[in-house]
Protein backbone atom coordinates (compact mmCIF):
# COMPACT_ATOMS: atom_id res chain seq x y z
CA MET A 1 1.33 -5.83 -23.01
CA PRO A 2 1.93 -3.06 -21.00
CA TRP A 3 3.51 0.18 -22.71
CA LEU A 4 6.20 1.89 -20.63
CA ASP A 5 3.74 4.57 -19.25
CA GLU A 6 1.31 2.04 -17.84
CA VAL A 7 4.23 0.19 -16.46
CA LEU A 8 5.65 3.33 -15.02
CA HIS A 9 2.14 4.12 -13.43
CA TYR A 10 2.38 1.20 -11.61
CA ILE A 11 5.68 0.89 -10.59
CA ASN A 12 5.02 4.80 -8.70
CA GLY A 13 2.08 3.04 -6.77
CA VAL A 14 4.31 0.51 -5.76
CA TYR A 15 6.76 3.18 -4.76
CA LEU A 16 4.14 4.89 -2.90
CA LEU A 17 2.95 1.87 -1.00
CA VAL A 18 6.43 1.20 0.11
CA ARG A 19 6.57 4.80 1.40
CA GLN A 20 3.43 3.59 3.01
CA LYS A 21 0.58 5.89 1.59
CA GLN A 22 -2.23 4.48 1.33
CA GLU A 23 -2.97 5.99 -2.23
CA GLY A 24 -0.57 3.60 -3.54
CA PHE A 25 -3.63 1.06 -3.94
CA GLY A 26 -5.18 3.49 -6.66
CA TRP A 27 -2.50 3.43 -9.05
CA LEU A 28 -2.81 -0.34 -9.36
CA ASP A 29 -4.83 -2.47 -11.56
CA LEU A 30 -5.83 -4.97 -8.77
CA THR A 31 -8.65 -6.84 -11.03
CA PRO A 32 -7.85 -10.71 -11.88
CA ARG A 33 -6.67 -9.19 -15.25
CA GLY A 34 -4.32 -6.54 -13.76
CA LEU A 35 -3.42 -9.55 -11.58
CA ALA A 36 -2.75 -11.53 -15.20
CA ARG A 37 -1.19 -8.43 -17.04
CA SER A 38 1.40 -7.90 -14.36
CA PHE A 39 3.15 -10.91 -14.88
CA TRP A 40 4.07 -8.94 -17.92
CA ALA A 41 6.77 -7.51 -15.59
CA PHE A 42 9.15 -10.21 -15.80
CA VAL A 43 9.38 -9.32 -19.48
CA TRP A 44 10.23 -5.80 -18.78
CA CYS A 45 12.78 -7.26 -16.48
CA LEU A 46 14.38 -9.28 -19.72
CA PRO A 47 16.97 -6.31 -20.17
CA ALA A 48 18.17 -6.55 -16.55
CA PHE A 49 18.27 -9.99 -16.84
CA ALA A 50 20.35 -10.11 -19.49
CA VAL A 51 22.90 -7.62 -18.07
CA ILE A 52 23.14 -9.74 -14.83
CA TRP A 53 23.63 -13.32 -16.90
CA ALA A 54 26.62 -11.93 -19.67
CA SER A 55 28.65 -10.55 -16.19
CA TRP A 56 27.76 -13.80 -14.58
CA ARG A 57 28.51 -15.88 -17.83
CA LEU A 58 32.46 -13.85 -17.71
CA TYR A 59 32.39 -14.75 -13.84
CA TYR A 60 31.67 -18.85 -15.35
CA ILE A 61 34.60 -18.89 -17.78
CA ALA A 62 36.86 -17.26 -15.61
CA GLY A 63 36.51 -19.88 -12.88
CA MET A 64 36.68 -22.67 -15.79
CA PRO A 65 39.22 -24.49 -17.79
CA ALA A 66 40.17 -22.73 -21.08
CA GLY A 67 37.90 -23.95 -23.85
CA THR A 68 35.03 -24.54 -21.91
CA ALA A 69 31.94 -23.41 -23.88
CA ALA A 70 28.85 -20.79 -22.21
CA GLY A 71 26.94 -20.29 -24.99
CA PRO A 72 23.38 -20.13 -26.00
CA ALA A 73 22.25 -22.70 -23.45
CA PHE A 74 24.32 -22.01 -20.79
CA LEU A 75 21.87 -18.43 -20.87
CA VAL A 76 18.84 -20.43 -21.27
CA LYS A 77 19.80 -22.16 -17.99
CA LEU A 78 20.07 -18.95 -16.34
CA LEU A 79 16.72 -17.72 -18.27
CA VAL A 80 15.05 -21.62 -16.48
CA ILE A 81 16.22 -20.39 -13.14
CA ASP A 82 15.31 -16.88 -12.92
CA VAL A 83 11.69 -17.43 -14.28
CA LEU A 84 11.65 -20.35 -11.15
CA GLY A 85 13.10 -17.93 -8.84
CA TRP A 86 10.56 -15.71 -9.77
CA LEU A 87 7.17 -17.99 -10.05
CA LEU A 88 8.24 -19.79 -6.72
CA PRO A 89 7.27 -17.27 -4.21
CA LEU A 90 4.41 -16.65 -5.67
CA ALA A 91 3.29 -20.19 -5.65
CA LEU A 92 4.08 -20.95 -2.22
CA VAL A 93 2.34 -17.34 -1.22
CA THR A 94 -0.65 -18.48 -2.70
CA ALA A 95 -0.41 -22.06 -1.71
CA LEU A 96 -0.21 -20.71 2.19
CA ALA A 97 -3.20 -18.14 2.00
CA PRO A 98 -5.97 -20.06 2.87
CA MET A 99 -3.68 -21.72 5.93
CA LEU A 100 -2.88 -18.51 6.93
CA GLY A 101 -5.91 -16.19 6.18
CA TYR A 102 -4.74 -13.57 4.28
CA GLY A 103 -6.73 -15.02 1.20
CA LYS A 104 -8.73 -11.58 0.77
CA HIS A 105 -5.40 -9.81 0.55
CA LEU A 106 -4.00 -12.30 -2.13
CA LEU A 107 -4.65 -10.63 -5.41
CA VAL A 108 -3.26 -7.10 -4.19
CA LEU A 109 0.10 -8.69 -2.70
CA LEU A 110 0.96 -10.72 -5.81
CA THR A 111 0.12 -7.61 -8.17
CA ALA A 112 2.03 -5.49 -5.98
CA SER A 113 5.04 -8.09 -5.80
CA ASN A 114 5.15 -8.87 -9.39
CA TRP A 115 5.60 -4.54 -10.55
CA VAL A 116 8.01 -4.01 -7.67
CA SER A 117 10.21 -6.67 -9.18
CA VAL A 118 10.81 -4.65 -12.15
CA PRO A 119 13.14 -1.67 -10.27
CA PHE A 120 14.28 -4.56 -7.69
CA THR A 121 15.59 -6.27 -10.70
CA TYR A 122 16.90 -3.00 -12.41
CA ALA A 123 18.45 -2.19 -9.62
CA ALA A 124 20.64 -5.43 -8.67
CA ALA A 125 21.61 -5.09 -12.34
CA LEU A 126 23.53 -2.19 -11.80
CA PRO A 127 26.57 -4.18 -9.78
CA PHE A 128 26.72 -6.45 -12.54
CA ALA A 129 27.04 -3.88 -14.93
CA LEU A 130 29.77 -2.04 -12.93
CA SER A 131 31.56 -5.35 -12.90
CA LEU A 132 31.31 -5.54 -16.75
CA VAL A 133 32.01 -2.13 -17.68
CA LEU A 134 34.86 -2.48 -14.87
CA PRO A 135 36.22 -5.60 -14.06
CA ALA A 136 39.06 -3.92 -11.21
CA MET A 137 35.86 -3.01 -9.81
CA ALA A 138 34.18 -6.57 -8.93
CA PRO A 139 35.05 -6.28 -5.29
CA PHE A 140 33.05 -2.99 -4.97
CA ALA A 141 30.24 -4.65 -6.86
CA GLY A 142 30.06 -7.14 -4.76
CA LEU A 143 29.76 -4.68 -1.61
CA LEU A 144 26.86 -2.96 -3.67
CA LEU A 145 25.15 -6.24 -4.37
CA TYR A 146 24.66 -6.62 -0.62
CA ALA A 147 23.48 -3.63 -0.41
CA VAL A 148 21.02 -3.85 -3.01
CA PHE A 149 19.73 -6.82 -1.70
CA GLY A 150 19.26 -5.49 2.12
CA ALA A 151 17.63 -2.62 0.47
CA SER A 152 15.73 -5.03 -1.19
CA VAL A 153 14.45 -7.11 1.39
CA MET A 154 13.68 -4.12 3.76
CA LEU A 155 11.61 -2.33 0.69
CA GLN A 156 9.83 -5.77 0.08
CA PHE A 157 8.62 -5.49 4.09
CA ARG A 158 7.17 -2.54 3.97
CA LEU A 159 4.95 -2.78 0.50
CA LEU A 160 4.01 -6.10 1.97
CA TRP A 161 3.28 -4.79 4.93
CA MET A 162 0.99 -2.58 3.41
CA CYS A 163 -0.60 -4.91 1.16
CA LEU A 164 -1.61 -7.28 3.96
CA GLY A 165 -3.22 -4.84 6.17
CA LYS A 166 -0.29 -3.80 8.51
CA GLN A 167 -0.05 -7.01 9.94
CA THR A 168 3.74 -6.90 11.10
CA LEU A 169 4.45 -10.53 11.84
CA LEU A 170 2.76 -12.06 8.96
CA SER A 171 4.57 -9.19 6.46
CA ALA A 172 7.87 -10.41 7.90
CA ALA A 173 7.09 -14.55 7.19
CA ILE A 174 5.97 -13.50 3.84
CA THR A 175 8.79 -11.27 2.89
CA ALA A 176 11.37 -14.66 4.30
CA LEU A 177 9.17 -16.38 1.86
CA PHE A 178 9.87 -14.13 -1.18
CA VAL A 179 13.79 -14.21 -0.18
CA LEU A 180 14.91 -18.07 1.44
CA PRO A 181 12.88 -19.96 -1.25
CA PRO A 182 14.48 -18.86 -4.26
CA MET A 183 17.85 -18.32 -2.91
CA ILE A 184 18.31 -22.11 -1.97
CA VAL A 185 16.73 -23.44 -4.93
CA GLY A 186 18.35 -21.26 -7.01
CA GLN A 187 21.43 -22.33 -5.33
CA GLU A 188 20.72 -26.11 -6.46
CA LEU A 189 19.54 -25.55 -9.40
CA GLN A 190 22.76 -23.81 -10.55
CA ARG A 191 24.48 -26.53 -9.52
CA LEU A 192 22.34 -29.16 -11.06
CA LEU A 193 22.31 -26.98 -14.44
CA GLY A 194 26.62 -26.56 -14.37
CA THR A 195 26.13 -22.96 -14.18
CA LEU A 196 28.63 -22.66 -11.39
CA PRO A 197 32.57 -22.27 -11.92
CA GLY A 198 34.82 -24.73 -10.62
C-alpha cells in the first residue's frame, strides 16, 4: 500500500495534468505495477467515504419511520454501492478501448483517474461533513455539493484530455462514461438495496 508521501506525489502529478502541464506524467508510476497500486486510492478515500456514509445514514433515518434500523448492514450496502461506482467506469473504459482506438492511452488514463479520485472524494465529503456538524446548513451544503460535482466533472475532462493525447471529443465521451453510468447504476442500487428513504 502506498504511504501518504507517495500518494501526495501522485496527486501532485494529476494536479499538474489538470493544469495541462506535460511534466505531470513524470510524477505518476505509469507501469502495470503502478496501475495495480493505484487501486489503493480507494482505501485512501475511506475516511471521506465514512463521512459521506454517516451523513447519508442520518438523512435516511430522518426520512424513515421512528425505530428504523440503519446499522452495520446499512453501511456495508453503501460500501458496495461505492465500490461498484468506482469500478464500473473503469471497466467500461477498458472494454471500449479497442473499439474506440485509445488502447495505448489506457494505462495512464486508468492510473491517473484512480489517483484523482482521492481529492475528488475528499472534496465531495466536505458538504456532507458540513451537514453533519451544522444540520441547519443542509440547504447550503446541497448547493455546495452541486458546485463540487460540477467542478469535478470539468477537472476530470481536463485530466482525460491530457491522458488521451488532447483529443477533445474522445475526452468528452470518456468523461461522460466516468459520470453517467455510476450515477444511473448507483441510483438503481440504492433503490434495490433499500438505502433510499421513503
